[in-house]
Protein backbone atom coordinates (compact mmCIF):
# COMPACT_ATOMS: atom_id res chain seq x y z
CA MET A 1 -21.78 4.03 -8.62
CA SER A 2 -23.02 0.44 -8.62
CA PHE A 3 -21.90 -2.96 -7.37
CA VAL A 4 -21.99 -6.22 -9.32
CA ILE A 5 -22.29 -9.05 -6.80
CA LYS A 6 -22.92 -12.63 -7.91
CA HIS A 7 -24.07 -11.45 -11.34
CA HIS A 8 -26.57 -8.96 -9.86
CA THR A 9 -26.17 -5.19 -10.01
CA TYR A 10 -27.02 -3.16 -6.92
CA GLN A 11 -27.51 0.61 -6.81
CA PRO A 12 -26.98 2.38 -3.47
CA ASP A 13 -29.74 4.56 -2.06
CA ILE A 14 -27.38 7.33 -0.98
CA ILE A 15 -23.93 8.31 -2.21
CA LEU A 16 -21.73 10.50 -0.03
CA SER A 17 -19.98 12.22 -2.92
CA ASN A 18 -16.95 14.45 -3.21
CA GLY A 19 -19.34 17.38 -2.80
CA THR A 20 -20.27 16.10 0.66
CA LEU A 21 -16.59 15.76 1.48
CA PHE A 22 -15.93 19.30 0.22
CA TRP A 23 -18.48 20.89 2.56
CA LEU A 24 -17.29 18.74 5.45
CA ILE A 25 -13.72 19.95 4.95
CA ILE A 26 -14.87 23.56 4.52
CA SER A 27 -16.75 23.35 7.83
CA LEU A 28 -13.76 21.86 9.66
CA ALA A 29 -11.41 24.41 8.12
CA ALA A 30 -13.68 27.32 9.09
CA ILE A 31 -13.80 26.14 12.72
CA THR A 32 -10.04 25.59 12.87
CA LEU A 33 -9.11 28.87 11.18
CA SER A 34 -11.51 30.82 13.39
CA TYR A 35 -9.93 29.27 16.49
CA GLN A 36 -6.40 29.87 15.21
CA GLN A 37 -7.15 33.49 14.38
CA LYS A 38 -8.46 34.17 17.87
CA LYS A 39 -5.69 32.36 19.72
CA TYR A 40 -2.60 33.02 17.61
CA ALA A 41 -3.49 35.76 15.07
CA ASN A 42 -0.66 34.39 12.96
CA ILE A 43 -0.97 34.69 9.16
CA THR A 44 1.69 32.03 8.62
CA ARG A 45 -0.27 29.47 10.63
CA LEU A 46 -3.50 30.39 8.85
CA ILE A 47 -1.84 29.77 5.49
CA MET A 48 -0.40 26.43 6.63
CA TRP A 49 -3.76 25.32 8.06
CA SER A 50 -5.41 26.26 4.75
CA CYS A 51 -2.85 24.13 2.91
CA PHE A 52 -3.48 21.29 5.38
CA TYR A 53 -7.23 21.22 4.74
CA PHE A 54 -6.75 21.56 0.99
CA TYR A 55 -4.47 18.52 1.16
CA LEU A 56 -6.87 16.64 3.47
CA TYR A 57 -9.69 17.08 0.94
CA TRP A 58 -7.62 15.50 -1.86
CA LEU A 59 -6.33 12.75 0.42
CA LEU A 60 -9.83 11.63 1.40
CA LYS A 61 -11.12 12.09 -2.12
CA LEU A 62 -8.46 9.76 -3.49
CA THR A 63 -8.65 7.14 -0.74
CA ILE A 64 -12.10 7.02 0.88
CA PHE A 65 -14.80 8.88 -1.05
CA PRO A 66 -17.34 8.42 -2.54
CA ILE A 67 -19.15 6.23 -0.01
CA ALA A 68 -22.24 4.23 -0.95
CA ILE A 69 -25.05 3.64 1.53
CA PHE A 70 -27.84 1.08 1.24
CA LYS A 71 -30.76 2.06 3.50
CA GLN A 72 -31.77 -1.57 3.94
CA SER A 73 -28.26 -2.98 3.75
CA PHE A 74 -28.75 -6.07 5.94
CA ALA A 75 -32.07 -6.91 4.32
CA THR A 76 -30.69 -6.35 0.81
CA PHE A 77 -27.68 -8.61 1.31
CA ALA A 78 -29.23 -11.10 3.77
CA THR A 79 -29.18 -13.95 1.27
CA ILE A 80 -25.82 -13.33 -0.41
CA GLY A 81 -23.86 -12.01 2.56
CA TYR A 82 -20.92 -9.62 2.52
CA GLY A 83 -17.34 -9.78 1.31
CA HIS A 84 -17.94 -10.97 -2.25
CA ILE A 85 -15.96 -8.04 -3.68
CA MET A 86 -12.19 -8.44 -3.39
CA PHE A 87 -11.32 -6.31 -0.36
CA TYR A 88 -7.63 -7.14 0.10
CA GLU A 89 -4.64 -7.53 -2.20
CA GLN A 90 -3.71 -11.22 -2.37
CA GLN A 91 -0.18 -10.60 -3.66
CA PRO A 92 0.76 -7.23 -2.13
CA LEU A 93 4.45 -7.24 -3.09
CA LYS A 94 3.97 -8.45 -6.64
CA MET A 95 3.57 -4.92 -7.99
CA MET A 96 7.22 -4.19 -7.18
CA GLN A 97 8.21 -6.73 -9.83
CA TYR A 98 6.46 -4.69 -12.51
CA MET A 99 7.47 -1.21 -11.35
CA PHE A 100 9.92 -0.61 -14.19
CA VAL A 101 8.02 -2.45 -16.92
CA ASN A 102 4.43 -1.44 -16.18
CA GLU A 103 3.54 2.25 -16.27
CA ASN A 104 0.46 1.85 -14.06
CA ALA A 105 2.43 -0.04 -11.41
CA MET A 106 5.11 2.67 -11.41
CA TYR A 107 2.56 5.49 -11.03
CA ASN A 108 0.79 3.58 -8.28
CA ILE A 109 3.96 3.05 -6.26
CA LEU A 110 5.23 6.61 -6.79
CA GLY A 111 1.80 8.05 -5.95
CA ASN A 112 1.60 6.07 -2.74
CA THR A 113 5.15 7.08 -1.83
CA VAL A 114 4.42 10.81 -1.98
CA MET A 115 0.85 10.58 -0.65
CA LEU A 116 1.57 11.21 3.04
CA ALA A 117 4.61 13.48 2.62
CA PRO A 118 2.48 16.68 2.74
CA LEU A 119 0.80 15.43 5.90
CA THR A 120 3.98 14.85 7.89
CA SER A 121 5.71 18.01 6.64
CA LEU A 122 2.67 20.23 7.33
CA LEU A 123 2.19 18.79 10.81
CA ALA A 124 5.88 19.43 11.52
CA LEU A 125 5.57 23.02 10.26
CA LEU A 126 2.55 23.56 12.51
CA TYR A 127 3.78 21.75 15.62
CA GLN A 128 7.40 21.22 16.58
CA LYS A 129 6.58 17.95 18.37
CA PHE A 130 5.79 16.40 14.97
CA SER A 131 9.19 17.33 13.50
CA HIS A 132 11.12 14.35 14.91
CA TRP A 133 11.73 11.59 12.36
CA LEU A 134 10.31 8.87 14.61
CA THR A 135 7.09 10.84 15.13
CA MET A 136 6.77 11.30 11.36
CA LEU A 137 7.21 7.58 10.83
CA LEU A 138 4.63 6.67 13.47
CA VAL A 139 2.12 9.19 12.08
CA SER A 140 2.64 7.80 8.57
CA ILE A 141 2.13 4.19 9.67
CA LEU A 142 -0.93 5.08 11.76
CA VAL A 143 -2.66 7.19 9.10
CA SER A 144 -1.87 4.73 6.31
CA GLY A 145 -3.11 1.83 8.43
CA VAL A 146 -6.36 3.65 9.23
CA ILE A 147 -6.92 4.44 5.54
CA GLU A 148 -6.30 0.84 4.48
CA MET A 149 -8.53 -0.61 7.21
CA THR A 150 -11.27 1.86 6.30
CA GLN A 151 -11.01 0.81 2.66
CA LEU A 152 -11.20 -2.85 3.67
CA LEU A 153 -14.31 -2.35 5.82
CA LEU A 154 -16.09 -0.14 3.30
CA THR A 155 -15.48 -2.63 0.50
CA TYR A 156 -16.45 -5.62 2.65
CA PHE A 157 -19.83 -4.01 3.37
CA TYR A 158 -20.31 -2.79 -0.26
CA MET A 159 -19.82 0.89 0.52
CA ASN A 160 -16.80 1.29 -1.75
CA ALA A 161 -14.65 -0.80 -4.06
CA ARG A 162 -11.05 -0.51 -2.88
CA THR A 163 -8.61 -3.05 -1.51
CA PHE A 164 -6.48 -3.35 1.61
CA ASP A 165 -2.84 -3.50 0.47
CA ILE A 166 0.12 -3.86 2.84
CA MET A 167 2.33 -2.51 0.06
CA ASP A 168 0.46 0.80 0.29
CA ILE A 169 1.28 1.04 3.99
CA ILE A 170 4.97 0.41 3.26
CA THR A 171 5.20 3.01 0.48
CA ASN A 172 3.03 5.55 2.34
CA SER A 173 5.17 5.26 5.46
CA THR A 174 8.44 5.44 3.55
CA GLY A 175 7.40 8.57 1.70
CA GLY A 176 5.84 10.15 4.77
CA LEU A 177 9.14 9.77 6.60
CA VAL A 178 11.78 10.37 3.92
CA ILE A 179 10.06 12.97 1.73
CA GLY A 180 8.14 14.60 4.59
CA TYR A 181 11.22 14.88 6.78
CA GLY A 182 13.30 16.19 3.89
CA THR A 183 10.66 18.74 2.85
CA TYR A 184 10.30 20.06 6.38
CA HIS A 185 14.04 20.56 6.88
CA LEU A 186 14.46 22.05 3.42
CA LEU A 187 11.77 24.64 4.15
CA LYS A 188 13.29 25.29 7.57
CA TRP A 189 16.67 25.87 5.93
CA ILE A 190 15.30 28.19 3.21
CA PHE A 191 12.71 30.04 5.34
CA PRO A 192 13.92 29.71 8.96
CA LYS A 193 12.11 32.79 10.27
CA MET A 194 8.82 31.88 8.62
CA VAL A 195 8.94 28.33 9.99
CA ASP A 196 9.81 29.52 13.51
CA TYR A 197 7.04 32.12 13.35
CA GLY A 198 4.40 29.63 12.30
CA GLN A 199 5.43 26.70 14.47
CA ILE A 200 4.36 26.14 18.08
């Protein structure tokens, strides 16, 4: 992982890799599952929490990690400054024009549409208060916005190379609401007892 800034290549001192993320998620999952087992002793909830952390790992892997760290960041970039890598999409809606003629654009839009659907559906399966459509929409907007702002800040300070894109927030939120809401109610219709047993 390197950064080319004003024709110079910079190598970070430390890279928080997917391996770091993996052990972080494992630690969080172990704490959560241990707490759930003591308080609820509910196998359905344990399975859903396991699915949640498995999903969380892939979500962060695809959107945030790896993260580069320069030990002497301010000294290293004192002369050139920050923000020389494109950190926001200048024409966020332009990709929609190419959705049906460009394969990469189509995959990008479809991927962003389904990205938060597991989050909203799993939260609804775990907690009834997250099952309302408005709550799902707000969660989708909030999480998508946090991801995009994190990408913007990391790229601005040369810790990653992703861009803030308002189109991603739109597609994430749409999928989180429509697909997440539909998935939750479909599962509740097919497995009503299991959903009621696992939900609090």
